[in-house]
Protein backbone atom coordinates (compact mmCIF):
# COMPACT_ATOMS: atom_id res chain seq x y z
CA UNK A 1 92.25 69.28 93.82
CA UNK A 2 95.06 71.27 91.57
CA UNK A 3 98.40 71.11 93.08
CA UNK A 4 101.12 73.52 92.15
CA UNK A 5 105.06 72.60 91.64
CA UNK A 6 107.49 74.02 92.81
CA UNK A 7 110.20 74.11 90.24
CA UNK A 8 112.90 73.99 92.11
CA UNK A 9 112.22 70.50 93.11
CA UNK A 10 112.06 69.96 88.95
CA UNK A 11 115.33 71.43 88.50
CA UNK A 12 116.76 69.23 91.36
CA UNK A 13 114.94 66.72 89.84
CA UNK A 14 116.83 66.67 86.67
CA UNK A 15 120.14 67.20 88.14
CA UNK A 16 120.48 64.03 89.56
CA UNK A 17 118.82 62.40 86.55
CA UNK A 18 121.29 63.94 84.07
CA UNK A 19 124.33 63.07 86.98
CA UNK A 20 123.13 59.88 88.14
CA UNK A 21 123.52 60.58 91.60
CA UNK A 22 122.89 62.93 94.83
CA UNK A 23 126.53 63.97 95.54
CA UNK A 24 127.13 65.17 91.69
CA UNK A 25 123.57 66.67 91.59
CA UNK A 26 124.35 68.62 94.91
CA UNK A 27 127.92 69.97 93.56
CA UNK A 28 125.91 71.14 90.07
CA UNK A 29 123.11 72.67 92.22
CA UNK A 30 125.22 74.28 95.03
CA UNK A 31 123.53 72.47 97.65
CA UNK A 32 123.97 70.07 100.62
CA UNK A 33 123.25 66.41 99.49
CA UNK A 34 120.95 65.93 102.64
CA UNK A 35 119.00 68.73 100.86
CA UNK A 36 118.87 67.43 97.10
CA UNK A 37 117.67 64.09 98.72
CA UNK A 38 114.81 66.25 100.69
CA UNK A 39 113.86 67.66 97.27
CA UNK A 40 113.81 64.61 95.42
CA UNK A 41 111.18 62.62 98.56
CA UNK A 42 108.96 65.88 98.69
CA UNK A 43 108.49 65.81 95.26
CA UNK A 44 107.98 61.97 95.03
CA UNK A 45 106.02 62.55 97.48
CA UNK A 46 103.87 65.03 95.40
CA UNK A 47 102.86 62.79 92.70
CA UNK A 48 102.82 59.40 95.38
CA UNK A 49 105.18 57.73 93.42
CA UNK A 50 109.17 57.03 92.93
CA UNK A 51 110.99 58.68 90.72
CA UNK A 52 114.38 56.91 91.63
CA UNK A 53 115.49 53.20 92.42
CA UNK A 54 118.37 53.13 94.72
CA UNK A 55 121.01 50.43 94.49
CA UNK A 56 123.81 50.79 96.84
CA UNK A 57 125.47 54.04 95.42
CA UNK A 58 123.86 53.84 92.17
CA UNK A 59 120.41 55.67 91.08
CA UNK A 60 118.36 55.42 88.16
CA UNK A 61 115.18 56.38 86.98
CA UNK A 62 111.75 54.05 87.48
CA UNK A 63 109.53 54.17 84.53
CA UNK A 64 107.31 56.95 86.00
CA UNK A 65 110.83 58.55 86.45
CA UNK A 66 111.40 58.02 82.56
CA UNK A 67 107.69 59.36 82.14
CA UNK A 68 108.54 62.77 84.18
CA UNK A 69 111.54 63.63 82.29
CA UNK A 70 110.53 65.19 78.78
CA UNK A 71 107.62 66.90 80.90
CA UNK A 72 110.41 68.19 83.59
CA UNK A 73 112.32 69.72 80.65
CA UNK A 74 109.59 71.66 79.06
CA UNK A 75 108.42 72.96 82.41
CA UNK A 76 111.91 74.16 82.99
CA UNK A 77 112.47 75.82 79.69
CA UNK A 78 108.97 77.51 79.64
CA UNK A 79 109.65 78.68 83.43
CA UNK A 80 113.24 80.08 82.16
CA UNK A 81 111.48 81.54 78.75
CA UNK A 82 108.73 83.47 80.83
CA UNK A 83 111.13 84.49 83.49
CA UNK A 84 113.32 86.28 80.69
CA UNK A 85 110.05 87.42 78.76
CA UNK A 86 108.52 89.31 81.70
CA UNK A 87 111.93 90.38 83.34
CA UNK A 88 113.68 91.89 79.98
CA UNK A 89 113.51 95.58 78.65
CA UNK A 90 110.95 96.34 76.26
CA UNK A 91 112.25 97.73 73.17
CA UNK A 92 110.92 99.99 70.90
CA UNK A 93 112.30 101.41 67.11
CA UNK A 94 113.19 99.97 64.21
CA UNK A 95 115.66 97.26 63.01
CA UNK A 96 116.97 96.44 59.52
CA UNK A 97 117.70 93.21 58.85
CA UNK A 98 119.09 91.52 55.86
CA UNK A 99 118.19 88.27 54.18
CA UNK A 100 119.53 86.74 51.21
CA UNK A 101 116.62 86.14 48.69
CA UNK A 102 116.42 82.24 49.20
CA UNK A 103 115.94 82.24 52.74
CA UNK A 104 113.17 84.58 53.55
CA UNK A 105 109.98 82.28 52.71
CA UNK A 106 111.08 78.68 53.96
CA UNK A 107 112.69 80.36 57.23
CA UNK A 108 111.34 83.55 58.46
CA UNK A 109 107.91 84.00 58.97
CA UNK A 110 107.56 81.50 62.40
CA UNK A 111 110.57 84.07 63.34
CA UNK A 112 108.94 87.28 62.19
CA UNK A 113 105.42 86.19 63.55
CA UNK A 114 107.08 85.42 67.10
CA UNK A 115 109.18 88.27 66.89
CA UNK A 116 106.72 90.58 66.23
CA UNK A 117 104.13 89.32 68.76
CA UNK A 118 106.64 89.74 71.64
CA UNK A 119 107.83 93.16 70.91
CA UNK A 120 104.95 95.12 69.19
CA UNK A 121 106.79 98.37 69.54
CA UNK A 122 109.66 97.38 67.30
CA UNK A 123 109.07 98.11 63.38
CA UNK A 124 111.12 95.09 61.69
CA UNK A 125 112.17 95.99 58.30
CA UNK A 126 114.03 93.70 55.66
CA UNK A 127 116.39 94.32 53.25
CA UNK A 128 116.41 91.39 50.95
CA UNK A 129 119.49 91.06 48.78
CA UNK A 130 122.99 88.86 48.10
CA UNK A 131 125.01 87.91 50.59
CA UNK A 132 128.02 90.19 49.30
CA UNK A 133 125.53 93.56 48.88
CA UNK A 134 124.28 92.32 52.55
CA UNK A 135 127.79 92.28 53.84
CA UNK A 136 128.46 95.25 52.36
CA UNK A 137 125.50 97.35 53.58
CA UNK A 138 126.33 95.90 57.59
CA UNK A 139 129.92 97.40 57.40
CA UNK A 140 128.56 100.89 56.38
CA UNK A 141 125.74 100.60 58.96
CA UNK A 142 122.98 100.56 56.72
CA UNK A 143 121.20 97.18 58.17
CA UNK A 144 121.86 96.33 61.77
CA UNK A 145 122.64 92.29 61.39
CA UNK A 146 122.22 90.17 58.58
CA UNK A 147 121.37 86.37 57.56
CA UNK A 148 124.20 85.19 54.66
CA UNK A 149 124.30 82.04 52.85
CA UNK A 150 128.50 81.84 52.73
CA UNK A 151 131.21 78.27 51.76
CA UNK A 152 132.71 78.94 55.31
CA UNK A 153 131.09 78.44 58.50
CA UNK A 154 130.41 81.34 61.05
CA UNK A 155 132.27 81.24 64.35
CA UNK A 156 130.71 79.93 67.49
CA UNK A 157 127.29 81.54 67.95
CA UNK A 158 127.01 82.82 64.56
CA UNK A 159 126.47 79.45 62.07
CA UNK A 160 123.25 79.02 61.84
CA UNK A 161 122.74 75.93 59.26
CA UNK A 162 124.91 73.92 57.66
CA UNK A 163 123.82 72.49 54.38
CA UNK A 164 125.01 71.40 50.98
CA UNK A 165 124.23 72.62 47.87
CA UNK A 166 122.45 70.23 44.59
CA UNK A 167 121.36 70.58 41.36
CA UNK A 168 117.64 70.90 40.99
CA UNK A 169 115.46 70.71 38.30
CA UNK A 170 111.78 70.36 36.95
CA UNK A 171 109.89 67.34 38.12
CA UNK A 172 111.11 64.68 35.67
CA UNK A 173 112.55 67.43 33.86
CA UNK A 174 115.24 67.10 30.71
CA UNK A 175 117.29 70.47 31.27
CA UNK A 176 119.48 68.25 33.19
CA UNK A 177 120.52 66.17 30.20
CA UNK A 178 121.05 68.64 27.20
CA UNK A 179 124.23 69.63 26.24
CA UNK A 180 125.55 72.61 27.22
CA UNK A 181 123.92 72.16 30.14
CA UNK A 182 121.29 75.29 30.47
CA UNK A 183 121.81 76.91 34.17
CA UNK A 184 120.07 79.51 36.22
CA UNK A 185 123.07 81.24 37.94
CA UNK A 186 121.64 84.64 39.69
CA UNK A 187 124.03 87.76 39.50
CA UNK A 188 127.86 87.85 39.36
CA UNK A 189 126.80 88.73 43.10
CA UNK A 190 125.43 84.86 44.11
CA UNK A 191 127.04 82.90 46.39
CA UNK A 192 126.33 79.73 44.57
CA UNK A 193 127.47 81.13 40.83
CA UNK A 194 131.51 80.99 41.72
CA UNK A 195 131.39 77.35 43.31
CA UNK A 196 128.63 75.95 40.46
CA UNK A 197 130.87 77.05 37.69
CA UNK A 198 134.42 75.52 39.20
CA UNK A 199 132.21 72.22 39.61
CA UNK A 200 131.42 72.02 36.41
CA UNK A 201 134.42 73.39 34.64
CA UNK A 202 136.49 70.95 36.52
CA UNK A 203 134.82 67.76 35.19
CA UNK A 204 134.58 69.53 31.52
CA UNK A 205 131.27 70.17 31.67
CA UNK A 206 129.84 72.94 28.85
CA UNK A 207 127.43 75.03 30.24
CA UNK A 208 124.93 77.88 28.99
CA UNK A 209 123.93 80.59 31.23
CA UNK A 210 120.05 81.02 30.90
CA UNK A 211 119.74 83.43 33.65
CA UNK A 212 121.57 86.04 35.09
CA UNK A 213 120.10 87.87 37.54
CA UNK A 214 119.67 88.23 40.74
CA UNK A 215 115.59 88.09 41.13
CA UNK A 216 115.21 84.94 43.07
CA UNK A 217 111.46 84.32 41.17
CA UNK A 218 113.19 84.13 38.05
CA UNK A 219 115.80 81.94 38.68
CA UNK A 220 113.31 79.51 39.96
CA UNK A 221 110.90 80.17 37.05
CA UNK A 222 113.24 78.95 34.53
CA UNK A 223 113.95 75.31 36.03
CA UNK A 224 110.21 75.24 36.48
CA UNK A 225 109.62 75.53 33.26
CA UNK A 226 112.18 73.09 32.73
CA UNK A 227 114.55 75.55 30.74
CA UNK A 228 117.63 75.02 33.13
CA UNK A 229 118.92 73.45 36.61
CA UNK A 230 119.83 75.45 39.06
CA UNK A 231 121.75 75.25 42.30
CA UNK A 232 120.39 75.15 45.86
CA UNK A 233 120.26 74.37 49.35
CA UNK A 234 119.30 70.95 49.79
CA UNK A 235 116.75 72.15 53.20
CA UNK A 236 115.02 74.90 50.95
CA UNK A 237 113.83 73.20 47.97
CA UNK A 238 110.73 74.50 46.72
CA UNK A 239 107.72 71.73 46.97
CA UNK A 240 107.46 72.06 43.03
CA UNK A 241 111.02 71.49 42.40
CA UNK A 242 113.32 67.94 42.60
CA UNK A 243 116.94 67.37 42.99
CA UNK A 244 118.31 66.04 39.92
CA UNK A 245 119.18 62.78 40.01
CA UNK A 246 122.68 61.50 40.66
CA UNK A 247 122.95 59.27 37.70
CA UNK A 248 122.46 62.26 35.16
CA UNK A 249 126.38 62.79 35.81
CA UNK A 250 126.04 66.10 36.78
CA UNK A 251 129.11 67.16 39.38
CA UNK A 252 128.79 67.27 43.48
CA UNK A 253 128.56 71.08 44.55
CA UNK A 254 129.99 72.10 47.83
CA UNK A 255 128.55 72.53 51.19
CA UNK A 256 127.19 75.98 52.18
CA UNK A 257 126.55 77.47 55.37
CA UNK A 258 123.60 80.19 56.74
CA UNK A 259 125.53 82.56 58.87
CA UNK A 260 124.23 85.46 61.15
CA UNK A 261 126.33 88.22 61.11
CA UNK A 262 126.52 91.53 63.37
CA UNK A 263 128.59 94.48 63.20
CA UNK A 264 132.20 94.22 65.12
CA UNK A 265 130.53 96.59 67.65
CA UNK A 266 128.19 93.67 68.54
CA UNK A 267 124.91 95.54 67.57
CA UNK A 268 122.16 97.25 69.50
CA UNK A 269 120.34 95.48 72.25
CA UNK A 270 117.58 95.17 69.88
CA UNK A 271 120.17 93.86 67.26
CA UNK A 272 121.06 91.08 69.94
CA UNK A 273 117.75 90.58 71.15
CA UNK A 274 116.30 89.48 67.36
CA UNK A 275 119.37 87.43 67.00
CA UNK A 276 118.24 85.09 69.62
CA UNK A 277 114.79 85.05 67.88
CA UNK A 278 116.86 83.80 65.03
CA UNK A 279 118.71 81.46 66.51
CA UNK A 280 116.12 79.84 68.54
CA UNK A 281 114.17 79.61 65.29
CA UNK A 282 116.90 77.95 63.29
CA UNK A 283 117.34 75.85 66.28
CA UNK A 284 113.75 74.60 66.10
CA UNK A 285 113.73 73.58 62.39
CA UNK A 286 116.93 71.57 62.60
CA UNK A 287 115.40 69.94 65.54
CA UNK A 288 112.54 68.96 63.93
CA UNK A 289 114.37 67.87 61.11
CA UNK A 290 116.86 65.63 62.69
């Protein structure tokens, strides 16, 4: 016969497991030690197994307790997510999200799919451009929030991903060995342009600009055709391109960061809601990569 599990029992189990004892768990949950002990006993009785081994003042998980641990986290996460979903207000209207060109396809589809599924009455419009222009549009109130690629990390709550710029080229390509070095850099507003040229000039490598437009497809096309190399975030490299080998002698490129920017006022409730989806989406990608 199927039995229902009381969520409060699971919270108590996790509190004891994380804190290592009934007393600290009781303090964290604002319960008496006796109440915590009773909840653990009820959970063990429900599962007909022992979840903790008790030795004097120490307590540790049994094998069954360790097996239950990951499921306990998933149950609590789903419970909390469901609660928030069912109790938050139903949004409607339009929201404009700024996105740098190189982030759209690798990062956004899953985030947009989930947001659209859970908020079908919101029209989500993407505004795609270089970071500098997107920040200007955000300041002017033309977009509601924006993702950026920047050389400095955002403050707490705004930094989504830390990454490093690398040189990319065609697999087994020869462009990386040519002199002067052919480089696809994009327009003057490209966030990668200045640090890339600074790195090349610092080591005295002559370079030739092959693509000076902001169109990402044009940049990647020249690289795929082995006409040039280009700087790119290491976590977003297209599958048909490769990192240029270190023995070629190209200079190391600096760290770059994907940040999430909202207006100084904090933005609308809809913008804050979308921002939360974006944070969760990037967090899941980072966890998968780890």
